[in-house]
Amino acid sequence: MFIIGIMPLFFKSFFSLAVLLAVFFLFNPSSVKAQYQLDEFAGTAGYPTDNSATLENKSQQIVNIVLSLTGILFLGMSIYAGIKWMTARGNEENVTTAKETLEAAIIGMVIISISYAVSNVIFQKIQGQ
């Protein structure tokens, strides 16, 4: 019972940390590039290094970050449902709740995956690639 009681607190903390890191790296990518010399490696590998701050690039970054964070959220929900199911100890009400949560998480993961694929296709068409 103790594990189930702290799981919502864990997810809130994890999600808050993920959002803070995403915001930091979204608004401060130049320091990350400079520190790890990503432009040099990308140029050597044949990838374009012209990531100017256009509206298309920024909007694509924001959409990708939001979809990634929601994917992480649904993954966390499925782990939470699995833990709740394993600790149900035969209580049919807890098992039913865990099954419903797991179904919702799987449906959410499918929707997020499709959204991610569609948004990537749209942004590639917009950028002319």
N, C-alpha and C. Protein backbone atom coordinates (compact mmCIF):
# COMPACT_ATOMS: atom_id res chain seq x y z
N MET A 1 0.81 -1.19 0.00
CA MET A 1 0.00 0.00 0.00
C MET A 1 0.86 1.27 0.00
N PHE A 2 2.02 1.20 0.62
CA PHE A 2 2.89 2.37 0.71
C PHE A 2 3.36 2.79 -0.68
N ILE A 3 3.68 1.80 -1.53
CA ILE A 3 4.18 2.10 -2.87
C ILE A 3 3.10 2.81 -3.68
N ILE A 4 1.88 2.35 -3.60
CA ILE A 4 0.79 2.96 -4.35
C ILE A 4 0.54 4.39 -3.86
N GLY A 5 0.73 4.63 -2.57
CA GLY A 5 0.52 5.97 -2.02
C GLY A 5 1.52 6.98 -2.51
N ILE A 6 2.76 6.56 -2.78
CA ILE A 6 3.77 7.52 -3.21
C ILE A 6 3.90 7.61 -4.72
N MET A 7 3.24 6.74 -5.48
CA MET A 7 3.37 6.76 -6.93
C MET A 7 2.88 8.06 -7.55
N PRO A 8 1.71 8.61 -7.17
CA PRO A 8 1.30 9.89 -7.78
C PRO A 8 2.30 11.00 -7.48
N LEU A 9 2.88 11.01 -6.30
CA LEU A 9 3.90 12.01 -5.97
C LEU A 9 5.12 11.82 -6.84
N PHE A 10 5.52 10.57 -7.08
CA PHE A 10 6.66 10.28 -7.94
C PHE A 10 6.42 10.77 -9.36
N PHE A 11 5.23 10.52 -9.90
CA PHE A 11 4.93 10.95 -11.27
C PHE A 11 4.89 12.46 -11.38
N LYS A 12 4.35 13.14 -10.37
CA LYS A 12 4.34 14.60 -10.40
C LYS A 12 5.76 15.14 -10.38
N SER A 13 6.60 14.58 -9.54
CA SER A 13 7.98 15.03 -9.47
C SER A 13 8.72 14.73 -10.77
N PHE A 14 8.54 13.55 -11.31
CA PHE A 14 9.20 13.16 -12.56
C PHE A 14 8.76 14.05 -13.71
N PHE A 15 7.46 14.30 -13.80
CA PHE A 15 6.93 15.12 -14.88
C PHE A 15 7.43 16.56 -14.75
N SER A 16 7.48 17.09 -13.53
CA SER A 16 7.99 18.44 -13.32
C SER A 16 9.45 18.55 -13.73
N LEU A 17 10.25 17.56 -13.36
CA LEU A 17 11.66 17.56 -13.73
C LEU A 17 11.82 17.47 -15.25
N ALA A 18 11.02 16.64 -15.90
CA ALA A 18 11.10 16.50 -17.35
C ALA A 18 10.73 17.80 -18.05
N VAL A 19 9.72 18.49 -17.55
CA VAL A 19 9.32 19.77 -18.14
C VAL A 19 10.42 20.81 -17.96
N LEU A 20 11.01 20.88 -16.78
CA LEU A 20 12.09 21.84 -16.54
C LEU A 20 13.29 21.58 -17.44
N LEU A 21 13.67 20.32 -17.60
CA LEU A 21 14.79 20.00 -18.48
C LEU A 21 14.47 20.31 -19.93
N ALA A 22 13.25 20.03 -20.35
CA ALA A 22 12.86 20.32 -21.73
C ALA A 22 12.89 21.82 -21.99
N VAL A 23 12.39 22.60 -21.06
CA VAL A 23 12.40 24.06 -21.24
C VAL A 23 13.84 24.58 -21.26
N PHE A 24 14.68 24.05 -20.40
CA PHE A 24 16.08 24.48 -20.37
C PHE A 24 16.77 24.20 -21.69
N PHE A 25 16.62 22.99 -22.21
CA PHE A 25 17.30 22.64 -23.45
C PHE A 25 16.63 23.28 -24.67
N LEU A 26 15.34 23.61 -24.57
CA LEU A 26 14.67 24.27 -25.68
C LEU A 26 15.18 25.69 -25.85
N PHE A 27 15.35 26.39 -24.73
CA PHE A 27 15.75 27.79 -24.80
C PHE A 27 17.25 28.00 -24.68
N ASN A 28 18.03 26.95 -24.49
CA ASN A 28 19.47 27.09 -24.35
C ASN A 28 20.21 26.01 -25.16
N PRO A 29 19.86 25.82 -26.44
CA PRO A 29 20.52 24.75 -27.19
C PRO A 29 21.94 25.09 -27.61
N SER A 30 22.30 26.38 -27.66
CA SER A 30 23.63 26.74 -28.13
C SER A 30 24.72 26.28 -27.16
N SER A 31 24.45 26.33 -25.86
CA SER A 31 25.46 25.87 -24.91
C SER A 31 25.65 24.36 -25.00
N VAL A 32 24.60 23.64 -25.28
CA VAL A 32 24.70 22.19 -25.44
C VAL A 32 25.49 21.87 -26.70
N LYS A 33 25.23 22.60 -27.79
CA LYS A 33 25.95 22.38 -29.03
C LYS A 33 27.43 22.70 -28.86
N ALA A 34 27.70 23.81 -28.19
CA ALA A 34 29.10 24.21 -28.02
C ALA A 34 29.84 23.23 -27.12
N GLN A 35 29.20 22.76 -26.08
CA GLN A 35 29.86 21.88 -25.13
C GLN A 35 30.21 20.54 -25.76
N TYR A 36 29.33 20.00 -26.54
CA TYR A 36 29.56 18.67 -27.11
C TYR A 36 29.97 18.71 -28.58
N GLN A 37 30.17 19.90 -29.14
CA GLN A 37 30.60 20.09 -30.52
C GLN A 37 29.71 19.33 -31.51
N LEU A 38 28.42 19.50 -31.33
CA LEU A 38 27.46 18.74 -32.14
C LEU A 38 27.47 19.17 -33.60
N ASP A 39 27.71 20.46 -33.86
CA ASP A 39 27.73 20.91 -35.25
C ASP A 39 28.86 20.25 -36.04
N GLU A 40 30.02 20.12 -35.41
CA GLU A 40 31.15 19.49 -36.09
C GLU A 40 30.86 18.02 -36.39
N PHE A 41 30.31 17.31 -35.42
CA PHE A 41 29.99 15.90 -35.62
C PHE A 41 28.89 15.73 -36.67
N ALA A 42 27.89 16.60 -36.63
CA ALA A 42 26.80 16.51 -37.61
C ALA A 42 27.31 16.79 -39.01
N GLY A 43 28.19 17.78 -39.15
CA GLY A 43 28.76 18.08 -40.46
C GLY A 43 29.60 16.93 -40.98
N THR A 44 30.36 16.30 -40.09
CA THR A 44 31.18 15.15 -40.49
C THR A 44 30.31 13.98 -40.94
N ALA A 45 29.18 13.81 -40.27
CA ALA A 45 28.28 12.70 -40.60
C ALA A 45 27.41 13.00 -41.82
N GLY A 46 27.45 14.25 -42.30
CA GLY A 46 26.67 14.59 -43.49
C GLY A 46 25.30 15.17 -43.20
N TYR A 47 25.02 15.50 -41.95
CA TYR A 47 23.74 16.10 -41.62
C TYR A 47 23.83 17.61 -41.75
N PRO A 48 22.74 18.26 -42.10
CA PRO A 48 22.78 19.72 -42.20
C PRO A 48 22.93 20.36 -40.82
N THR A 49 23.76 21.38 -40.75
CA THR A 49 23.97 22.07 -39.47
C THR A 49 23.33 23.44 -39.47
N ASP A 50 22.55 23.76 -40.48
CA ASP A 50 21.90 25.07 -40.57
C ASP A 50 20.57 25.01 -39.85
N ASN A 51 20.60 25.14 -38.53
CA ASN A 51 19.38 25.13 -37.72
C ASN A 51 19.05 26.55 -37.29
N SER A 52 18.73 27.36 -38.27
CA SER A 52 18.39 28.73 -37.95
C SER A 52 17.07 28.76 -37.19
N ALA A 53 16.86 29.82 -36.47
CA ALA A 53 15.69 29.94 -35.61
C ALA A 53 14.49 30.39 -36.42
N THR A 54 14.04 29.56 -37.34
CA THR A 54 12.86 29.88 -38.12
C THR A 54 11.62 29.41 -37.38
N LEU A 55 10.50 29.91 -37.83
CA LEU A 55 9.24 29.53 -37.19
C LEU A 55 8.97 28.04 -37.34
N GLU A 56 9.32 27.47 -38.49
CA GLU A 56 9.09 26.05 -38.71
C GLU A 56 9.93 25.20 -37.77
N ASN A 57 11.21 25.58 -37.61
CA ASN A 57 12.10 24.80 -36.74
C ASN A 57 11.66 24.88 -35.28
N LYS A 58 11.34 26.09 -34.82
CA LYS A 58 10.92 26.23 -33.42
C LYS A 58 9.60 25.53 -33.16
N SER A 59 8.66 25.66 -34.10
CA SER A 59 7.37 24.99 -33.88
C SER A 59 7.53 23.47 -33.92
N GLN A 60 8.42 22.98 -34.78
CA GLN A 60 8.67 21.54 -34.82
C GLN A 60 9.31 21.07 -33.51
N GLN A 61 10.24 21.85 -32.97
CA GLN A 61 10.85 21.49 -31.69
C GLN A 61 9.82 21.45 -30.58
N ILE A 62 8.94 22.45 -30.55
CA ILE A 62 7.93 22.51 -29.49
C ILE A 62 6.96 21.33 -29.60
N VAL A 63 6.50 21.03 -30.81
CA VAL A 63 5.58 19.90 -31.01
C VAL A 63 6.26 18.59 -30.62
N ASN A 64 7.52 18.41 -31.02
CA ASN A 64 8.23 17.18 -30.67
C ASN A 64 8.43 17.05 -29.16
N ILE A 65 8.73 18.14 -28.49
CA ILE A 65 8.91 18.09 -27.03
C ILE A 65 7.59 17.76 -26.34
N VAL A 66 6.52 18.40 -26.77
CA VAL A 66 5.22 18.14 -26.13
C VAL A 66 4.79 16.69 -26.36
N LEU A 67 4.96 16.19 -27.58
CA LEU A 67 4.58 14.80 -27.85
C LEU A 67 5.48 13.82 -27.10
N SER A 68 6.75 14.14 -26.97
CA SER A 68 7.65 13.27 -26.21
C SER A 68 7.27 13.23 -24.73
N LEU A 69 6.95 14.40 -24.17
CA LEU A 69 6.56 14.44 -22.75
C LEU A 69 5.25 13.69 -22.51
N THR A 70 4.30 13.82 -23.43
CA THR A 70 3.06 13.07 -23.24
C THR A 70 3.29 11.57 -23.42
N GLY A 71 4.21 11.21 -24.30
CA GLY A 71 4.57 9.79 -24.43
C GLY A 71 5.18 9.26 -23.15
N ILE A 72 6.04 10.06 -22.52
CA ILE A 72 6.62 9.66 -21.23
C ILE A 72 5.54 9.55 -20.17
N LEU A 73 4.57 10.47 -20.21
CA LEU A 73 3.47 10.42 -19.25
C LEU A 73 2.67 9.13 -19.40
N PHE A 74 2.35 8.74 -20.64
CA PHE A 74 1.59 7.50 -20.86
C PHE A 74 2.41 6.26 -20.49
N LEU A 75 3.71 6.31 -20.71
CA LEU A 75 4.56 5.21 -20.27
C LEU A 75 4.52 5.08 -18.75
N GLY A 76 4.60 6.22 -18.08
CA GLY A 76 4.50 6.21 -16.61
C GLY A 76 3.15 5.70 -16.14
N MET A 77 2.10 6.05 -16.86
CA MET A 77 0.77 5.54 -16.49
C MET A 77 0.69 4.03 -16.64
N SER A 78 1.32 3.50 -17.68
CA SER A 78 1.26 2.05 -17.86
C SER A 78 2.08 1.34 -16.77
N ILE A 79 3.20 1.91 -16.38
CA ILE A 79 3.98 1.34 -15.28
C ILE A 79 3.19 1.40 -13.98
N TYR A 80 2.54 2.53 -13.74
CA TYR A 80 1.71 2.69 -12.54
C TYR A 80 0.58 1.66 -12.53
N ALA A 81 -0.07 1.46 -13.68
CA ALA A 81 -1.16 0.48 -13.75
C ALA A 81 -0.64 -0.93 -13.50
N GLY A 82 0.53 -1.23 -14.03
CA GLY A 82 1.11 -2.55 -13.79
C GLY A 82 1.43 -2.79 -12.33
N ILE A 83 1.98 -1.77 -11.67
CA ILE A 83 2.28 -1.90 -10.24
C ILE A 83 1.00 -2.04 -9.44
N LYS A 84 -0.02 -1.26 -9.81
CA LYS A 84 -1.29 -1.35 -9.10
C LYS A 84 -1.93 -2.72 -9.28
N TRP A 85 -1.81 -3.28 -10.47
CA TRP A 85 -2.36 -4.60 -10.75
C TRP A 85 -1.62 -5.66 -9.95
N MET A 86 -0.29 -5.57 -9.91
CA MET A 86 0.49 -6.57 -9.18
C MET A 86 0.25 -6.52 -7.68
N THR A 87 -0.06 -5.34 -7.16
CA THR A 87 -0.27 -5.21 -5.72
C THR A 87 -1.74 -5.26 -5.34
N ALA A 88 -2.61 -5.67 -6.26
CA ALA A 88 -4.05 -5.71 -5.98
C ALA A 88 -4.41 -6.80 -4.99
N ARG A 89 -3.61 -7.87 -4.96
CA ARG A 89 -3.83 -8.98 -4.02
C ARG A 89 -5.24 -9.57 -4.13
N GLY A 90 -5.72 -9.70 -5.34
CA GLY A 90 -7.01 -10.34 -5.54
C GLY A 90 -8.20 -9.42 -5.40
N ASN A 91 -7.99 -8.16 -5.05
CA ASN A 91 -9.09 -7.22 -4.93
C ASN A 91 -9.57 -6.86 -6.34
N GLU A 92 -10.78 -7.31 -6.66
CA GLU A 92 -11.30 -7.16 -8.02
C GLU A 92 -11.46 -5.70 -8.42
N GLU A 93 -11.78 -4.84 -7.49
CA GLU A 93 -11.94 -3.41 -7.80
C GLU A 93 -10.61 -2.78 -8.22
N ASN A 94 -9.53 -3.12 -7.52
CA ASN A 94 -8.21 -2.59 -7.89
C ASN A 94 -7.73 -3.15 -9.23
N VAL A 95 -8.03 -4.43 -9.48
CA VAL A 95 -7.65 -5.04 -10.76
C VAL A 95 -8.38 -4.35 -11.90
N THR A 96 -9.68 -4.11 -11.73
CA THR A 96 -10.46 -3.44 -12.77
C THR A 96 -9.94 -2.03 -13.03
N THR A 97 -9.63 -1.29 -11.96
CA THR A 97 -9.09 0.06 -12.11
C THR A 97 -7.75 0.03 -12.84
N ALA A 98 -6.91 -0.94 -12.50
CA ALA A 98 -5.61 -1.06 -13.15
C ALA A 98 -5.77 -1.41 -14.63
N LYS A 99 -6.71 -2.30 -14.95
CA LYS A 99 -6.95 -2.65 -16.35
C LYS A 99 -7.43 -1.43 -17.14
N GLU A 100 -8.33 -0.66 -16.56
CA GLU A 100 -8.84 0.53 -17.25
C GLU A 100 -7.72 1.56 -17.46
N THR A 101 -6.87 1.72 -16.46
CA THR A 101 -5.74 2.64 -16.59
C THR A 101 -4.78 2.16 -17.66
N LEU A 102 -4.51 0.87 -17.69
CA LEU A 102 -3.61 0.31 -18.69
C LEU A 102 -4.19 0.45 -20.10
N GLU A 103 -5.48 0.22 -20.25
CA GLU A 103 -6.11 0.40 -21.56
C GLU A 103 -6.02 1.85 -22.01
N ALA A 104 -6.28 2.78 -21.10
CA ALA A 104 -6.19 4.20 -21.44
C ALA A 104 -4.77 4.58 -21.81
N ALA A 105 -3.79 4.03 -21.11
CA ALA A 105 -2.39 4.33 -21.42
C ALA A 105 -1.99 3.78 -22.78
N ILE A 106 -2.45 2.59 -23.11
CA ILE A 106 -2.12 2.00 -24.42
C ILE A 106 -2.78 2.80 -25.55
N ILE A 107 -4.03 3.17 -25.36
CA ILE A 107 -4.71 3.99 -26.37
C ILE A 107 -3.99 5.34 -26.51
N GLY A 108 -3.59 5.93 -25.40
CA GLY A 108 -2.86 7.19 -25.45
C GLY A 108 -1.53 7.06 -26.16
N MET A 109 -0.80 5.96 -25.92
CA MET A 109 0.47 5.74 -26.60
C MET A 109 0.27 5.60 -28.11
N VAL A 110 -0.78 4.91 -28.52
CA VAL A 110 -1.05 4.75 -29.95
C VAL A 110 -1.37 6.11 -30.57
N ILE A 111 -2.20 6.90 -29.91
CA ILE A 111 -2.56 8.22 -30.43
C ILE A 111 -1.33 9.13 -30.51
N ILE A 112 -0.49 9.10 -29.49
CA ILE A 112 0.70 9.94 -29.48
C ILE A 112 1.67 9.49 -30.58
N SER A 113 1.82 8.19 -30.77
CA SER A 113 2.71 7.69 -31.84
C SER A 113 2.23 8.12 -33.21
N ILE A 114 0.94 8.01 -33.45
CA ILE A 114 0.38 8.45 -34.73
C ILE A 114 0.54 9.95 -34.90
N SER A 115 0.30 10.71 -33.83
CA SER A 115 0.46 12.17 -33.90
C SER A 115 1.90 12.55 -34.20
N TYR A 116 2.83 11.86 -33.59
CA TYR A 116 4.24 12.12 -33.81
C TYR A 116 4.62 11.86 -35.27
N ALA A 117 4.15 10.76 -35.82
CA ALA A 117 4.45 10.43 -37.22
C ALA A 117 3.81 11.44 -38.17
N VAL A 118 2.56 11.79 -37.93
CA VAL A 118 1.87 12.74 -38.80
C VAL A 118 2.53 14.11 -38.74
N SER A 119 2.91 14.57 -37.54
CA SER A 119 3.54 15.89 -37.42
C SER A 119 4.90 15.90 -38.11
N ASN A 120 5.65 14.81 -38.03
CA ASN A 120 6.93 14.76 -38.74
C ASN A 120 6.74 14.81 -40.25
N VAL A 121 5.74 14.12 -40.78
CA VAL A 121 5.47 14.16 -42.21
C VAL A 121 5.06 15.57 -42.63
N ILE A 122 4.21 16.21 -41.85
CA ILE A 122 3.76 17.56 -42.18
C ILE A 122 4.93 18.53 -42.16
N PHE A 123 5.77 18.48 -41.14
CA PHE A 123 6.90 19.39 -41.08
C PHE A 123 7.91 19.13 -42.19
N GLN A 124 8.08 17.90 -42.60
CA GLN A 124 8.98 17.61 -43.72
C GLN A 124 8.41 18.19 -45.01
N LYS A 125 7.12 18.11 -45.19
CA LYS A 125 6.49 18.67 -46.40
C LYS A 125 6.61 20.19 -46.38
N ILE A 126 6.44 20.80 -45.21
CA ILE A 126 6.53 22.26 -45.11
C ILE A 126 7.94 22.72 -45.42
N GLN A 127 8.93 22.01 -44.93
CA GLN A 127 10.33 22.38 -45.14
C GLN A 127 10.84 21.97 -46.51
N GLY A 128 10.08 21.22 -47.26
CA GLY A 128 10.43 20.84 -48.62
C GLY A 128 11.47 19.74 -48.69
N GLN A 129 11.48 18.84 -47.76
CA GLN A 129 12.45 17.74 -47.76
C GLN A 129 11.84 16.48 -48.30
